[in-house]
Amino acid sequence: MTPTVTLSAPSLLAVNDLLGGQTVLACLPRSTLDWVTLIRSGIPASAVDALTRLTHLSQTELATAVGIPERTLARRKREGKLTSEESSRVIRLARVIARGEEVFEDLAATIDWLKSPNAALGGVTPLTLLDTDIGTESAMDTLGRIEHGIFS
């Protein structure tokens, strides 16, 4: 029997929805271990389209945020699947967006926050940090501070 590990923040269900849900992912990951399996096998490239459609991020903004060249994303769309590394990066972006939705209680406000320079992040936009793990942690930490009313 496989142990079930749950991840509450950001909600895995919200991440699932941002990536197109069961229709796009062809499964409903219910635990972090399910997500690991999905990442390792590569998510469908159509999840990128679902994410851009829901967030209104441009293809260029998304590609830059996840550190994947636009031409590579276009090729993956033709091939139908992202690599495990690319899948991890797209899911990382979706997790930050889902966390932002929890904090701001609004997707549009989250996207505005991601695109706005932030003093707590050295004056850069959170979106420009998400191509690295450390940058993503900084954005998530900043969201946590905002949630708890600490100036960020």
Protein backbone atom coordinates (compact mmCIF):
# COMPACT_ATOMS: atom_id res chain seq x y z
CA MET A 1 0.00 0.00 0.00
CA THR A 2 1.38 3.41 -1.05
CA PRO A 3 1.41 6.04 1.70
CA THR A 4 -0.60 9.17 1.01
CA VAL A 5 1.18 12.41 1.68
CA THR A 6 -0.91 15.53 1.38
CA LEU A 7 0.20 19.03 0.61
CA SER A 8 -2.15 21.67 1.91
CA ALA A 9 -0.54 24.94 0.90
CA PRO A 10 -0.89 25.64 -1.87
CA SER A 11 -3.76 23.31 -2.45
CA LEU A 12 -2.96 20.55 -4.87
CA LEU A 13 -6.51 20.81 -6.16
CA ALA A 14 -5.95 24.44 -7.10
CA VAL A 15 -2.74 23.49 -8.93
CA ASN A 16 -4.63 20.71 -10.69
CA ASP A 17 -7.32 23.18 -11.79
CA LEU A 18 -4.77 25.72 -13.05
CA LEU A 19 -3.22 23.01 -15.25
CA GLY A 20 -6.51 22.03 -16.85
CA GLY A 21 -7.69 19.42 -14.37
CA GLN A 22 -8.30 15.79 -15.05
CA THR A 23 -9.32 16.56 -18.64
CA VAL A 24 -5.81 17.77 -19.48
CA LEU A 25 -3.70 15.81 -17.00
CA ALA A 26 -5.60 12.54 -17.62
CA CYS A 27 -5.46 11.83 -13.89
CA LEU A 28 -6.36 13.42 -10.59
CA PRO A 29 -3.23 13.60 -8.42
CA ARG A 30 -4.33 13.38 -4.79
CA SER A 31 -1.00 13.38 -3.00
CA THR A 32 2.50 14.75 -3.39
CA LEU A 33 3.62 11.29 -4.43
CA ASP A 34 1.03 11.32 -7.23
CA TRP A 35 2.45 14.67 -8.37
CA VAL A 36 5.99 13.29 -8.31
CA THR A 37 4.90 10.41 -10.55
CA LEU A 38 3.15 12.82 -12.91
CA ILE A 39 6.17 15.12 -13.08
CA ARG A 40 8.52 12.23 -13.75
CA SER A 41 6.38 11.01 -16.64
CA GLY A 42 5.93 14.56 -17.99
CA ILE A 43 2.75 16.58 -18.01
CA PRO A 44 0.82 17.12 -21.24
CA ALA A 45 1.93 20.25 -23.10
CA SER A 46 -1.71 21.32 -23.21
CA ALA A 47 -1.36 22.11 -19.48
CA VAL A 48 0.69 25.15 -20.54
CA ASP A 49 -2.21 26.34 -22.69
CA ALA A 50 -4.62 25.83 -19.80
CA LEU A 51 -2.37 27.82 -17.48
CA THR A 52 -1.97 30.72 -19.91
CA ARG A 53 -5.70 30.74 -20.65
CA LEU A 54 -6.69 30.88 -16.96
CA THR A 55 -4.04 33.35 -15.83
CA HIS A 56 -3.94 35.55 -18.94
CA LEU A 57 -0.15 35.33 -18.87
CA SER A 58 1.31 35.57 -22.34
CA GLN A 59 3.29 32.68 -23.76
CA THR A 60 6.39 34.87 -23.47
CA GLU A 61 5.72 35.70 -19.80
CA LEU A 62 5.14 32.05 -18.95
CA ALA A 63 8.21 30.88 -20.87
CA THR A 64 10.39 33.45 -19.12
CA ALA A 65 8.93 32.68 -15.70
CA VAL A 66 9.67 28.97 -16.00
CA GLY A 67 12.98 29.37 -17.82
CA ILE A 68 11.95 27.43 -20.92
CA PRO A 69 12.60 29.04 -24.33
CA GLU A 70 9.43 29.78 -26.32
CA ARG A 71 10.68 27.70 -29.24
CA THR A 72 11.12 24.73 -26.91
CA LEU A 73 7.58 25.17 -25.59
CA ALA A 74 6.27 25.31 -29.16
CA ARG A 75 8.15 22.09 -29.96
CA ARG A 76 6.79 20.40 -26.84
CA LYS A 77 3.26 21.38 -27.88
CA ARG A 78 3.82 19.60 -31.19
CA GLU A 79 5.27 16.58 -29.37
CA GLY A 80 2.45 16.64 -26.80
CA LYS A 81 4.43 16.32 -23.57
CA LEU A 82 6.89 18.25 -21.44
CA THR A 83 10.04 16.69 -20.04
CA SER A 84 10.17 16.00 -16.31
CA GLU A 85 12.29 19.11 -15.68
CA GLU A 86 9.95 21.30 -17.73
CA SER A 87 6.94 19.75 -15.99
CA SER A 88 8.46 20.54 -12.61
CA ARG A 89 8.99 24.17 -13.61
CA VAL A 90 5.43 24.63 -14.90
CA ILE A 91 3.99 23.02 -11.77
CA ARG A 92 6.23 25.26 -9.64
CA LEU A 93 4.66 28.31 -11.33
CA ALA A 94 1.16 26.89 -10.83
CA ARG A 95 1.93 26.31 -7.12
CA VAL A 96 2.97 29.96 -6.66
CA ILE A 97 -0.17 31.13 -8.45
CA ALA A 98 -2.33 28.82 -6.32
CA ARG A 99 -0.64 30.13 -3.16
CA GLY A 100 -1.20 33.70 -4.32
CA GLU A 101 -4.88 32.92 -4.84
CA GLU A 102 -5.06 31.67 -1.25
CA VAL A 103 -3.48 34.88 0.04
CA PHE A 104 -5.23 37.45 -2.17
CA GLU A 105 -8.43 35.44 -2.66
CA ASP A 106 -8.44 36.54 -6.29
CA LEU A 107 -6.61 35.29 -9.38
CA ALA A 108 -6.40 38.72 -11.03
CA ALA A 109 -4.87 40.24 -7.87
CA THR A 110 -2.37 37.37 -7.78
CA ILE A 111 -1.30 37.96 -11.38
CA ASP A 112 -1.00 41.71 -10.70
CA TRP A 113 1.21 40.92 -7.68
CA LEU A 114 3.37 38.57 -9.75
CA LYS A 115 3.93 41.27 -12.39
CA SER A 116 4.55 44.18 -10.00
CA PRO A 117 7.97 45.18 -8.63
CA ASN A 118 8.22 44.18 -4.97
CA ALA A 119 10.42 45.99 -2.45
CA ALA A 120 10.74 42.83 -0.32
CA LEU A 121 12.21 41.08 -3.36
CA GLY A 122 14.78 43.74 -4.15
CA GLY A 123 12.47 45.68 -6.45
CA VAL A 124 12.01 42.91 -9.00
CA THR A 125 8.74 41.29 -9.95
CA PRO A 126 8.02 37.92 -8.32
CA LEU A 127 7.38 36.45 -11.78
CA THR A 128 11.03 37.02 -12.76
CA LEU A 129 12.25 34.92 -9.83
CA LEU A 130 10.28 31.76 -10.52
CA ASP A 131 12.83 30.23 -12.88
CA THR A 132 14.87 29.15 -9.84
CA ASP A 133 14.04 27.22 -6.69
CA ILE A 134 15.50 29.91 -4.43
CA GLY A 135 13.61 32.66 -6.25
CA THR A 136 10.41 30.66 -5.92
CA GLU A 137 11.03 30.17 -2.19
CA SER A 138 11.52 33.94 -1.85
CA ALA A 139 8.21 34.62 -3.63
CA MET A 140 6.42 32.03 -1.46
CA ASP A 141 7.97 33.48 1.71
CA THR A 142 6.80 36.94 0.67
CA LEU A 143 3.27 35.62 0.13
CA GLY A 144 3.40 34.13 3.63
CA ARG A 145 4.43 37.47 5.09
CA ILE A 146 1.61 39.22 3.24
CA GLU A 147 -0.86 36.63 4.53
CA HIS A 148 0.26 37.32 8.10
CA GLY A 149 0.13 41.10 7.70
CA ILE A 150 3.86 41.66 7.68
CA PHE A 151 4.84 44.49 5.32
CA SER A 152 6.15 43.09 2.06
